[in-house]
Amino acid sequence: MSELAELFDVAAARQLDAQASAVLGDAGASLMEQAGTAAWQCLLQRWPQAQRICVLAGPGNNGGDGLVLARLAVQSGRSVQVLRLADEGTLSDLSQRMRAQFEAIGGTVAVLGEALPGADVIVDALFGIGLNRAPVAEAERAIAAVNAAGVPVLALDVPSGVDAQTGRVPGAAVRAACTLQFIVPHQGLYTGDALEYVGECRLAPLQLPPGSDAAVCASADLWHVGRLPSLLRPRRANSHKGESGHVLCVGGNAGSGGAVMLAAEAALRAGAGLVSVGTQPQHVSPLLSRLPEAMVHAVQDSAELQQLLPRAKVVAIGPGLGQDDWARECWRQVRASGLPLVVDADALNLLAAAPQPLAGAILTPHPGEAGRLLGASTAQVQADRFSAAQTLAERYDAVVVLKGAGTVVAAPQARPRVIAAGNPGMAVGGMGDLLTGIIAALRAQGLSAFDAASTGALLHGLAGDDAARDGQRGLLPTDLLVPLRRRLNPEL
C-alpha cells in the first residue's frame, strides 16, 4: 500500500475498464483473463490447501472473472463446481465466452439449489460494482446460502449486495473473508456497513495499457499509518511551550464535567503546549485533581469566558456543554471570537438549531448529529457517508469529520479522506471528546484544519486499535492515552 492510497468511485472504475478495453481492442477479454488469474492466485495464496472450490457465477462480467478462476482451478487439478442462478437472464458477451472456455475443458455449470455443495472455499462472482439495490428472489437466496455454509468466501471486486459507491448494504450481502478488487480500490468498501462484509481488502491492479487511465481521477484518499511521519516531525531542540499552541476547552455543564476533562487531557497528550478549560465551578476541583497540568477556570458568566479567549490559539467547544442558557452564551462568545474552532457534541446541536457558516472551523459530528445539521435522518446520512460529509463541508464552509466505521473527513472544494483505523470497541461514550481534544491540539501546533482533522482522526483510530489488543469490550477512552503518545512520536 502506498503512503497515500487513492480510492475511486464506480464511474471512474467503469471508465478505466472501458478505456483499457478500447486500447487493447479485444472488448475486455484480456483484462478479464488477468482478473481471473489474479483471483486464482489470491485464492491459492490465502487458502493453499483448498481442494474443493465452489464458484457462484453471475451473468455479467463479474461472473466471467469467476469462470476464468474456475477454469484455472480445474486445470490445476482441483474439484470445481460452478453454480448459476436459475433466473440469471442473458449472459454478457464476455461471460458467455468464458463459460464456453470452461465447458470446453470439461467443466459444467449447474443451477444453484437450496444449499451449496461441500467446498473448502466459495468464490462470490455473482454481481460486480454495478449493483446498488437489494438483491431479490434467487440472488437473495443464493447469498443466504453462502453465508450459511460456514466456508471462507473470496469475493471478486465487491461482495455481492454491497454498494461499491457508498458502502451501503440495502439488503442481503455476502460476508467475505477476503475481497479482491480489480484495477482500482472502490471507495465504498472502506466505510460504513461495507466494513461488516468485505473482510480483508486486496487489490489486483492488472496490467493496463499506456494511456488507458487518461482523465480518470480518484474520488477519495485512504489515510493510514504511513501518513504520520510526514505530518508529525520531531520538534526542534530549542522548542518552548508557546510554539506548541494554547488550546481552550469550553464545556462541562452541570453533571457533564468528565467530557471536557477528557478533551483537555487528550489535547495535552496530543502535544498542545498549554491547555485551559472553561467549565462550571463545581468541576474545577475534580478536574484539577485529575489533570493538574491544565489551567482550569470557573466560568459562570460572559465576562469570565471573555478573559480566557484572547490567550487561546484554538478553542474546542462542545464536550459536556449542554444546550441551556449557559451553553448558548458560551457558544455565542466562542463563535464571535474569530478563533479557529473544533466543534463537537452539544455545540453541534446548537449550530443545527441556528445554522450559519463557520469558515475555518472543524466539525466532528457522529451520524445523528450530522443528520440534525443536514435536516436529514441518521439512516440517510449512513446511506451515503461521502455525500453527507461533503454536503456538510460545503454548507458550513468547514472541515467535517463524519465519525463512525470508516470515518470520512471532508473539506470544501477538496477530495475527501477515509480513515483506515478504528474498531467497534471505540463505540463508547467519551471517545468523541477525546477526538475533539486531539484535533484541537494538532490545529494549535500549526497543522491546517483539514490536516489536523485527518491526522487527529487517524491517530485516534490507531490508538484505539492499539488499546483494543487487550479486547474491544470494555475499552475506555482513557485507555487510548498511552498508545496515543506512542503514535504521536513515530520516530521512536
Protein backbone atom coordinates (compact mmCIF):
# COMPACT_ATOMS: atom_id res chain seq x y z
CA MET A 1 0.00 0.00 0.00
CA SER A 2 1.34 3.39 -0.96
CA GLU A 3 1.66 6.12 1.64
CA LEU A 4 -1.45 7.80 0.31
CA ALA A 5 -3.79 5.28 -1.34
CA GLU A 6 -6.34 6.63 -3.80
CA LEU A 7 -9.93 5.41 -3.84
CA PHE A 8 -12.26 5.55 -6.84
CA ASP A 9 -15.98 5.77 -7.39
CA VAL A 10 -17.91 3.38 -9.60
CA ALA A 11 -17.99 5.73 -12.59
CA ALA A 12 -14.19 6.05 -12.59
CA ALA A 13 -13.71 2.28 -12.29
CA ARG A 14 -16.03 1.69 -15.23
CA GLN A 15 -14.29 4.37 -17.27
CA LEU A 16 -10.88 2.80 -16.63
CA ASP A 17 -12.15 -0.62 -17.67
CA ALA A 18 -13.76 0.76 -20.84
CA GLN A 19 -10.72 2.82 -21.84
CA ALA A 20 -8.32 -0.07 -21.26
CA SER A 21 -10.54 -2.42 -23.25
CA ALA A 22 -10.75 0.09 -26.10
CA VAL A 23 -6.96 0.46 -26.24
CA LEU A 24 -6.45 -3.31 -26.13
CA GLY A 25 -9.05 -3.81 -28.84
CA ASP A 26 -10.39 -7.12 -27.51
CA ALA A 27 -13.59 -5.96 -25.79
CA GLY A 28 -12.01 -6.57 -22.41
CA ALA A 29 -11.18 -10.26 -22.79
CA SER A 30 -7.52 -9.90 -21.83
CA LEU A 31 -8.44 -7.81 -18.77
CA MET A 32 -10.90 -10.50 -17.71
CA GLU A 33 -8.23 -13.14 -18.16
CA GLN A 34 -5.91 -11.08 -15.98
CA ALA A 35 -8.60 -10.59 -13.34
CA GLY A 36 -9.49 -14.27 -13.18
CA THR A 37 -5.83 -15.23 -12.99
CA ALA A 38 -5.21 -12.74 -10.19
CA ALA A 39 -8.23 -14.12 -8.34
CA TRP A 40 -6.94 -17.68 -8.66
CA GLN A 41 -3.52 -16.62 -7.39
CA CYS A 42 -5.16 -14.82 -4.46
CA LEU A 43 -7.15 -17.93 -3.57
CA LEU A 44 -4.02 -20.10 -3.72
CA GLN A 45 -2.12 -17.67 -1.52
CA ARG A 46 -4.89 -17.29 1.03
CA TRP A 47 -6.08 -20.92 1.11
CA PRO A 48 -3.24 -23.07 -0.30
CA GLN A 49 -4.77 -26.34 0.98
CA ALA A 50 -8.16 -25.80 -0.67
CA GLN A 51 -9.11 -28.69 -2.95
CA ARG A 52 -12.87 -28.19 -3.36
CA ILE A 53 -13.91 -24.85 -4.83
CA CYS A 54 -17.42 -23.60 -5.43
CA VAL A 55 -17.85 -20.64 -7.77
CA LEU A 56 -21.11 -18.69 -7.91
CA ALA A 57 -21.03 -17.04 -11.34
CA GLY A 58 -23.48 -14.32 -12.23
CA PRO A 59 -24.47 -13.37 -15.78
CA GLY A 60 -22.31 -10.25 -16.01
CA ASN A 61 -18.59 -9.71 -16.33
CA ASN A 62 -18.07 -10.43 -12.63
CA GLY A 63 -19.29 -13.94 -13.38
CA GLY A 64 -16.82 -14.08 -16.27
CA ASP A 65 -13.96 -13.34 -13.87
CA GLY A 66 -15.17 -16.23 -11.71
CA LEU A 67 -15.31 -18.57 -14.71
CA VAL A 68 -11.68 -17.80 -15.57
CA LEU A 69 -10.75 -18.71 -11.99
CA ALA A 70 -12.81 -21.91 -12.28
CA ARG A 71 -11.03 -22.93 -15.48
CA LEU A 72 -7.61 -22.38 -13.93
CA ALA A 73 -8.64 -24.29 -10.82
CA VAL A 74 -9.78 -27.29 -12.89
CA GLN A 75 -6.53 -27.22 -14.85
CA SER A 76 -4.62 -27.32 -11.56
CA GLY A 77 -6.41 -30.50 -10.51
CA ARG A 78 -8.92 -29.02 -8.06
CA SER A 79 -12.51 -30.14 -7.77
CA VAL A 80 -14.60 -27.23 -9.03
CA GLN A 81 -18.34 -26.68 -9.07
CA VAL A 82 -19.74 -23.64 -10.85
CA LEU A 83 -23.27 -22.61 -9.98
CA ARG A 84 -25.56 -20.10 -11.64
CA LEU A 85 -28.87 -18.56 -10.67
CA ALA A 86 -31.97 -20.13 -12.17
CA ASP A 87 -33.21 -16.69 -13.23
CA GLU A 88 -29.87 -15.34 -14.37
CA GLY A 89 -31.15 -13.81 -17.60
CA THR A 90 -28.92 -13.03 -20.58
CA LEU A 91 -25.16 -13.50 -20.23
CA SER A 92 -22.79 -10.70 -21.14
CA ASP A 93 -20.69 -11.43 -24.22
CA LEU A 94 -17.53 -11.91 -22.17
CA SER A 95 -19.21 -14.09 -19.58
CA GLN A 96 -20.65 -16.25 -22.35
CA ARG A 97 -17.20 -16.61 -23.88
CA MET A 98 -15.59 -17.57 -20.57
CA ARG A 99 -18.36 -20.07 -19.82
CA ALA A 100 -17.73 -21.73 -23.20
CA GLN A 101 -14.00 -21.98 -22.45
CA PHE A 102 -14.74 -23.51 -19.06
CA GLU A 103 -17.09 -26.07 -20.57
CA ALA A 104 -14.56 -26.86 -23.30
CA ILE A 105 -12.19 -28.35 -20.72
CA GLY A 106 -14.94 -30.49 -19.22
CA GLY A 107 -16.40 -28.07 -16.69
CA THR A 108 -20.12 -27.88 -16.06
CA VAL A 109 -22.33 -25.06 -14.86
CA ALA A 110 -25.26 -26.16 -12.70
CA VAL A 111 -28.27 -24.32 -11.33
CA LEU A 112 -27.97 -23.39 -7.67
CA GLY A 113 -30.24 -25.49 -5.46
CA GLU A 114 -31.45 -25.00 -1.92
CA ALA A 115 -27.99 -25.46 -0.42
CA LEU A 116 -24.43 -25.21 -1.63
CA PRO A 117 -22.31 -28.33 -2.20
CA GLY A 118 -19.43 -29.03 0.16
CA ALA A 119 -16.44 -26.80 -0.52
CA ASP A 120 -13.25 -25.54 1.09
CA VAL A 121 -13.65 -22.05 -0.44
CA ILE A 122 -16.59 -20.29 -2.06
CA VAL A 123 -15.92 -17.70 -4.76
CA ASP A 124 -18.53 -14.94 -4.95
CA ALA A 125 -18.71 -13.80 -8.58
CA LEU A 126 -22.45 -13.07 -8.64
CA PHE A 127 -22.52 -9.30 -9.04
CA GLY A 128 -19.92 -6.64 -9.70
CA ILE A 129 -19.68 -3.00 -8.81
CA GLY A 130 -22.86 -2.05 -10.64
CA LEU A 131 -25.33 -3.43 -8.10
CA ASN A 132 -26.73 -0.63 -5.92
CA ARG A 133 -30.00 -2.17 -4.73
CA ALA A 134 -31.02 -5.04 -2.52
CA PRO A 135 -30.73 -8.49 -4.14
CA VAL A 136 -34.07 -10.24 -4.57
CA ALA A 137 -35.51 -13.66 -5.33
CA GLU A 138 -32.88 -16.23 -6.36
CA ALA A 139 -29.99 -13.84 -5.72
CA GLU A 140 -31.14 -13.20 -2.15
CA ARG A 141 -31.48 -16.93 -1.50
CA ALA A 142 -28.05 -17.59 -3.01
CA ILE A 143 -26.44 -15.03 -0.71
CA ALA A 144 -28.19 -16.55 2.29
CA ALA A 145 -26.86 -19.98 1.29
CA VAL A 146 -23.30 -18.62 1.00
CA ASN A 147 -23.45 -17.04 4.44
CA ALA A 148 -24.94 -20.20 5.97
CA ALA A 149 -22.29 -22.51 4.50
CA GLY A 150 -19.67 -21.78 7.15
CA VAL A 151 -16.97 -21.71 4.48
CA PRO A 152 -14.50 -18.87 3.76
CA VAL A 153 -15.54 -16.67 0.86
CA LEU A 154 -13.39 -14.89 -1.71
CA ALA A 155 -15.42 -12.02 -3.20
CA LEU A 156 -14.40 -10.76 -6.62
CA ASP A 157 -14.30 -6.96 -6.83
CA VAL A 158 -17.07 -6.48 -4.25
CA PRO A 159 -19.12 -8.77 -2.00
CA SER A 160 -22.49 -9.25 -3.68
CA GLY A 161 -25.05 -6.96 -2.08
CA VAL A 162 -22.57 -4.24 -1.06
CA ASP A 163 -22.79 -0.89 -2.87
CA ALA A 164 -19.24 -0.15 -4.07
CA GLN A 165 -20.08 3.54 -4.41
CA THR A 166 -21.38 4.30 -0.93
CA GLY A 167 -20.68 1.28 1.27
CA ARG A 168 -24.42 0.87 1.81
CA VAL A 169 -25.87 -2.62 2.28
CA PRO A 170 -29.58 -2.27 1.45
CA GLY A 171 -30.43 -5.96 1.86
CA ALA A 172 -28.73 -9.35 1.87
CA ALA A 173 -24.96 -9.31 1.25
CA VAL A 174 -22.17 -11.86 1.16
CA ARG A 175 -19.86 -11.87 4.18
CA ALA A 176 -16.43 -12.36 2.62
CA ALA A 177 -13.21 -13.37 4.29
CA CYS A 178 -11.32 -11.57 1.53
CA THR A 179 -12.35 -9.17 -1.23
CA LEU A 180 -10.07 -8.87 -4.25
CA GLN A 181 -10.67 -5.60 -6.09
CA PHE A 182 -9.64 -5.21 -9.71
CA ILE A 183 -7.79 -2.25 -11.26
CA VAL A 184 -8.60 0.28 -8.50
CA PRO A 185 -9.87 0.20 -4.89
CA HIS A 186 -13.55 1.17 -4.58
CA GLN A 187 -14.36 3.96 -2.16
CA GLY A 188 -17.49 2.32 -0.74
CA LEU A 189 -15.63 -0.71 0.60
CA TYR A 190 -13.80 1.34 3.22
CA THR A 191 -16.63 2.93 5.17
CA GLY A 192 -19.99 2.26 6.79
CA ASP A 193 -21.84 -1.03 6.53
CA ALA A 194 -19.41 -2.39 3.93
CA LEU A 195 -16.80 -2.96 6.62
CA GLU A 196 -19.02 -5.73 8.04
CA TYR A 197 -18.78 -7.67 4.78
CA VAL A 198 -15.51 -7.10 2.92
CA GLY A 199 -13.09 -8.95 5.21
CA GLU A 200 -9.51 -8.34 4.11
CA CYS A 201 -9.39 -5.96 1.15
CA ARG A 202 -6.80 -6.70 -1.52
CA LEU A 203 -6.11 -5.09 -4.89
CA ALA A 204 -5.15 -6.60 -8.25
CA PRO A 205 -4.23 -3.53 -10.33
CA LEU A 206 -3.86 -5.54 -13.56
CA GLN A 207 -1.62 -4.50 -16.43
CA LEU A 208 -3.35 -1.59 -18.12
CA PRO A 209 -2.07 -0.33 -21.48
CA PRO A 210 -0.36 3.08 -21.50
CA GLY A 211 -2.78 5.97 -21.76
CA SER A 212 -5.83 4.00 -20.65
CA ASP A 213 -6.08 5.97 -17.41
CA ALA A 214 -6.44 9.36 -19.12
CA ALA A 215 -8.86 11.76 -17.43
CA VAL A 216 -9.71 9.30 -14.66
CA CYS A 217 -9.39 10.85 -11.21
CA ALA A 218 -9.60 9.41 -7.73
CA SER A 219 -12.66 10.32 -5.66
CA ALA A 220 -11.14 9.97 -2.16
CA ASP A 221 -7.90 9.23 -0.32
CA LEU A 222 -7.34 6.45 2.18
CA TRP A 223 -5.41 7.67 5.20
CA HIS A 224 -3.43 5.10 7.14
CA VAL A 225 -0.37 4.94 9.39
CA GLY A 226 2.02 5.73 6.54
CA ARG A 227 0.85 9.34 6.58
CA LEU A 228 2.11 10.12 10.08
CA PRO A 229 5.88 10.62 9.63
CA SER A 230 5.43 13.48 7.17
CA LEU A 231 2.94 15.27 9.42
CA LEU A 232 4.46 14.66 12.86
CA ARG A 233 8.02 15.82 12.54
CA PRO A 234 10.32 15.79 15.59
CA ARG A 235 10.38 19.06 17.50
CA ARG A 236 13.40 21.26 17.23
CA ALA A 237 15.82 21.17 20.16
CA ASN A 238 15.17 24.79 21.20
CA SER A 239 11.41 24.49 21.49
CA HIS A 240 9.19 26.14 24.08
CA LYS A 241 5.58 25.53 25.11
CA GLY A 242 4.26 28.55 23.27
CA GLU A 243 5.31 27.05 19.94
CA SER A 244 3.02 24.09 20.54
CA GLY A 245 -0.10 26.18 20.90
CA HIS A 246 -2.66 27.03 23.55
CA VAL A 247 -5.96 25.13 23.43
CA LEU A 248 -9.01 26.35 25.32
CA CYS A 249 -11.62 23.66 26.01
CA VAL A 250 -15.10 25.00 26.76
CA GLY A 251 -17.76 22.69 28.17
CA GLY A 252 -18.65 20.64 31.18
CA ASN A 253 -22.09 21.80 32.17
CA ALA A 254 -23.66 20.55 35.40
CA GLY A 255 -23.17 16.79 35.63
CA SER A 256 -21.01 16.56 32.49
CA GLY A 257 -17.58 17.59 33.71
CA GLY A 258 -15.96 14.35 32.57
CA ALA A 259 -16.46 15.17 28.89
CA VAL A 260 -14.46 18.39 28.92
CA MET A 261 -11.89 16.71 31.17
CA LEU A 262 -11.32 14.02 28.53
CA ALA A 263 -10.96 16.65 25.80
CA ALA A 264 -8.42 18.61 27.86
CA GLU A 265 -6.34 15.56 28.73
CA ALA A 266 -6.34 14.42 25.12
CA ALA A 267 -5.19 17.88 23.99
CA LEU A 268 -2.22 17.67 26.38
CA ARG A 269 -1.36 14.12 25.35
CA ALA A 270 -1.60 15.17 21.71
CA GLY A 271 1.15 17.74 22.23
CA ALA A 272 -0.51 21.07 22.97
CA GLY A 273 1.88 23.31 24.88
CA LEU A 274 -0.84 24.83 27.04
CA VAL A 275 -4.41 23.75 27.76
CA SER A 276 -7.01 25.87 29.54
CA VAL A 277 -10.51 24.77 30.49
CA GLY A 278 -13.58 26.94 30.94
CA THR A 279 -16.22 24.99 32.82
CA GLN A 280 -18.86 25.17 35.52
CA PRO A 281 -17.45 25.97 39.01
CA GLN A 282 -18.28 22.57 40.51
CA HIS A 283 -15.99 20.84 38.04
CA VAL A 284 -12.86 22.87 38.77
CA SER A 285 -11.59 20.87 41.75
CA PRO A 286 -12.23 17.40 40.27
CA LEU A 287 -10.59 18.42 37.02
CA LEU A 288 -7.50 19.79 38.75
CA SER A 289 -7.25 16.61 40.81
CA ARG A 290 -7.28 14.52 37.67
CA LEU A 291 -5.28 16.86 35.45
CA PRO A 292 -3.05 19.31 37.32
CA GLU A 293 -1.29 20.21 34.06
CA ALA A 294 -4.42 22.02 32.80
CA MET A 295 -5.33 25.60 33.72
CA VAL A 296 -8.92 25.27 34.90
CA HIS A 297 -11.22 28.26 35.26
CA ALA A 298 -14.73 28.59 36.61
CA VAL A 299 -16.99 30.18 34.02
CA GLN A 300 -20.35 31.40 35.26
CA ASP A 301 -20.89 34.48 33.14
CA SER A 302 -19.77 36.01 29.88
CA ALA A 303 -17.09 38.18 31.47
CA GLU A 304 -15.22 35.17 32.84
CA LEU A 305 -15.11 33.41 29.48
CA GLN A 306 -14.18 36.66 27.76
CA GLN A 307 -10.97 36.79 29.82
CA LEU A 308 -9.87 33.35 28.59
CA LEU A 309 -10.40 33.73 24.84
CA PRO A 310 -7.60 36.21 23.97
CA ARG A 311 -4.92 33.83 25.24
CA ALA A 312 -6.09 30.83 23.21
CA LYS A 313 -4.92 29.79 19.78
CA VAL A 314 -7.68 27.23 19.20
CA VAL A 315 -10.99 26.67 21.00
CA ALA A 316 -12.54 23.22 21.41
CA ILE A 317 -16.19 23.61 22.33
CA GLY A 318 -18.96 21.12 22.91
CA PRO A 319 -17.94 18.26 25.22
CA GLY A 320 -20.48 18.26 28.04
CA LEU A 321 -21.65 21.74 27.01
CA GLY A 322 -25.41 21.21 27.23
CA GLN A 323 -27.99 23.38 25.50
CA ASP A 324 -29.20 25.69 28.26
CA ASP A 325 -28.68 29.44 28.61
CA TRP A 326 -25.12 28.97 29.90
CA ALA A 327 -24.26 26.77 26.93
CA ARG A 328 -25.80 29.18 24.41
CA GLU A 329 -23.85 32.11 25.84
CA CYS A 330 -20.58 30.17 25.72
CA TRP A 331 -21.33 29.19 22.14
CA ARG A 332 -22.13 32.80 21.18
CA GLN A 333 -18.89 34.14 22.63
CA VAL A 334 -16.70 31.47 21.16
CA ARG A 335 -18.27 31.95 17.74
CA ALA A 336 -17.69 35.70 17.94
CA SER A 337 -14.04 35.32 18.95
CA GLY A 338 -12.83 34.65 15.41
CA LEU A 339 -10.52 31.89 16.70
CA PRO A 340 -10.09 28.54 14.95
CA LEU A 341 -12.73 26.19 16.36
CA VAL A 342 -13.20 22.48 16.88
CA VAL A 343 -16.94 21.98 17.33
CA ASP A 344 -18.39 18.83 18.86
CA ALA A 345 -21.37 17.38 20.73
CA ASP A 346 -23.88 19.95 22.02
CA ALA A 347 -22.15 22.79 20.19
CA LEU A 348 -23.11 20.95 17.00
CA ASN A 349 -26.71 20.74 18.21
CA LEU A 350 -26.71 24.47 18.90
CA LEU A 351 -25.32 25.05 15.41
CA ALA A 352 -28.04 22.84 13.93
CA ALA A 353 -30.67 24.92 15.73
CA ALA A 354 -29.33 28.13 14.16
CA PRO A 355 -27.23 27.17 11.11
CA GLN A 356 -24.52 29.51 9.87
CA PRO A 357 -21.19 29.15 8.04
CA LEU A 358 -18.15 28.67 10.27
CA ALA A 359 -15.24 29.37 7.96
CA GLY A 360 -12.11 27.51 9.01
CA ALA A 361 -13.81 25.52 11.76
CA ILE A 362 -13.64 21.75 12.23
CA LEU A 363 -16.96 19.98 12.90
CA THR A 364 -16.86 16.47 14.37
CA PRO A 365 -20.39 15.01 14.15
CA HIS A 366 -21.45 11.42 14.62
CA PRO A 367 -24.16 10.34 12.11
CA GLY A 368 -27.02 11.51 14.34
CA GLU A 369 -25.53 14.97 14.75
CA ALA A 370 -24.74 15.09 11.04
CA GLY A 371 -28.39 14.35 10.33
CA ARG A 372 -29.51 17.24 12.52
CA LEU A 373 -27.06 19.57 10.79
CA LEU A 374 -28.41 18.48 7.39
CA GLY A 375 -32.07 18.20 8.32
CA ALA A 376 -31.92 14.51 7.46
CA SER A 377 -32.23 11.19 9.25
CA THR A 378 -29.32 9.16 10.57
CA ALA A 379 -30.21 6.45 8.05
CA GLN A 380 -29.95 8.95 5.19
CA VAL A 381 -26.52 10.04 6.38
CA GLN A 382 -25.30 6.45 6.64
CA ALA A 383 -26.70 5.57 3.21
CA ASP A 384 -24.06 7.79 1.58
CA ARG A 385 -21.43 8.96 4.04
CA PHE A 386 -19.32 10.61 1.33
CA SER A 387 -22.18 12.77 0.11
CA ALA A 388 -23.27 13.66 3.65
CA ALA A 389 -19.78 14.72 4.73
CA GLN A 390 -19.17 16.76 1.58
CA THR A 391 -22.56 18.46 1.76
CA LEU A 392 -21.89 19.43 5.37
CA ALA A 393 -18.47 20.82 4.47
CA GLU A 394 -19.89 22.97 1.68
CA ARG A 395 -22.94 24.10 3.65
CA TYR A 396 -20.99 25.19 6.74
CA ASP A 397 -17.75 26.19 4.96
CA ALA A 398 -15.89 23.97 7.40
CA VAL A 399 -13.86 20.80 7.64
CA VAL A 400 -16.12 17.91 8.67
CA VAL A 401 -15.14 14.71 10.46
CA LEU A 402 -18.06 12.33 9.97
CA LYS A 403 -17.34 9.80 12.68
CA GLY A 404 -18.13 6.10 12.59
CA ALA A 405 -16.73 2.99 10.94
CA GLY A 406 -14.53 4.31 8.16
CA THR A 407 -14.53 7.95 9.32
CA VAL A 408 -14.86 10.37 6.40
CA VAL A 409 -13.09 13.74 6.57
CA ALA A 410 -14.32 16.34 4.08
CA ALA A 411 -13.44 19.95 3.29
CA PRO A 412 -14.88 22.47 0.84
CA GLN A 413 -13.57 22.00 -2.69
CA ALA A 414 -11.30 19.12 -1.63
CA ARG A 415 -11.10 15.38 -2.11
CA PRO A 416 -12.43 13.59 0.98
CA ARG A 417 -10.28 11.31 3.12
CA VAL A 418 -11.27 7.96 4.62
CA ILE A 419 -9.58 6.92 7.87
CA ALA A 420 -8.24 3.36 7.79
CA ALA A 421 -8.18 2.82 11.57
CA GLY A 422 -10.52 2.23 14.47
CA ASN A 423 -12.63 -0.63 15.79
CA PRO A 424 -16.08 -1.36 17.30
CA GLY A 425 -14.71 -1.20 20.84
CA MET A 426 -14.47 2.56 20.40
CA ALA A 427 -18.27 2.86 20.31
CA VAL A 428 -18.48 4.12 23.88
CA GLY A 429 -19.26 7.47 25.49
CA GLY A 430 -16.31 9.83 25.72
CA MET A 431 -14.42 8.68 22.62
CA GLY A 432 -15.62 11.72 20.69
CA ASP A 433 -14.48 14.06 23.46
CA LEU A 434 -11.03 12.53 23.19
CA LEU A 435 -11.02 13.10 19.43
CA THR A 436 -12.00 16.74 19.90
CA GLY A 437 -9.01 17.37 22.14
CA ILE A 438 -6.59 15.59 19.81
CA ILE A 439 -7.70 17.56 16.77
CA ALA A 440 -7.59 20.86 18.66
CA ALA A 441 -4.03 20.16 19.81
CA LEU A 442 -2.85 19.38 16.28
CA ARG A 443 -4.53 22.51 14.96
CA ALA A 444 -2.81 24.57 17.69
CA GLN A 445 0.55 23.06 16.66
CA GLY A 446 0.22 24.53 13.20
CA LEU A 447 -1.49 21.91 11.04
CA SER A 448 -4.12 23.17 8.63
CA ALA A 449 -7.72 22.48 9.57
CA PHE A 450 -8.01 19.67 7.00
CA ASP A 451 -4.73 18.03 8.04
CA ALA A 452 -5.39 18.45 11.77
CA ALA A 453 -8.80 16.81 11.39
CA SER A 454 -7.48 13.96 9.24
CA THR A 455 -4.37 13.33 11.33
CA GLY A 456 -6.34 13.55 14.57
CA ALA A 457 -8.92 11.05 13.37
CA LEU A 458 -6.17 8.70 12.20
CA LEU A 459 -4.25 8.93 15.49
CA HIS A 460 -7.45 8.39 17.43
CA GLY A 461 -8.25 5.26 15.44
CA LEU A 462 -4.72 3.86 15.62
CA ALA A 463 -4.55 4.41 19.37
CA GLY A 464 -7.91 2.69 19.67
CA ASP A 465 -6.62 -0.28 17.69
CA ASP A 466 -3.54 -0.47 19.89
CA ALA A 467 -5.62 -0.36 23.06
CA ALA A 468 -8.05 -2.97 21.71
CA ARG A 469 -5.34 -5.61 21.63
CA ASP A 470 -6.45 -6.38 25.17
CA GLY A 471 -10.05 -6.75 23.95
CA GLN A 472 -12.65 -4.49 22.40
CA ARG A 473 -15.34 -4.94 25.00
CA GLY A 474 -14.76 -2.68 27.98
CA LEU A 475 -12.43 -0.33 26.09
CA LEU A 476 -12.44 3.14 27.68
CA PRO A 477 -11.39 6.48 26.19
CA THR A 478 -8.61 6.85 28.77
CA ASP A 479 -7.15 3.52 27.58
CA LEU A 480 -6.13 5.34 24.39
CA LEU A 481 -3.93 7.95 26.06
CA VAL A 482 -0.75 5.88 26.43
CA PRO A 483 -0.82 4.40 22.89
CA LEU A 484 -1.75 7.85 21.57
CA ARG A 485 1.50 9.26 22.89
CA ARG A 486 3.46 6.47 21.23
CA ARG A 487 1.72 7.06 17.91
CA LEU A 488 2.47 10.79 18.13
CA ASN A 489 6.19 10.02 18.19
CA PRO A 490 6.75 7.80 15.14
CA GLU A 491 10.47 8.50 15.20
CA LEU A 492 10.84 6.39 18.39
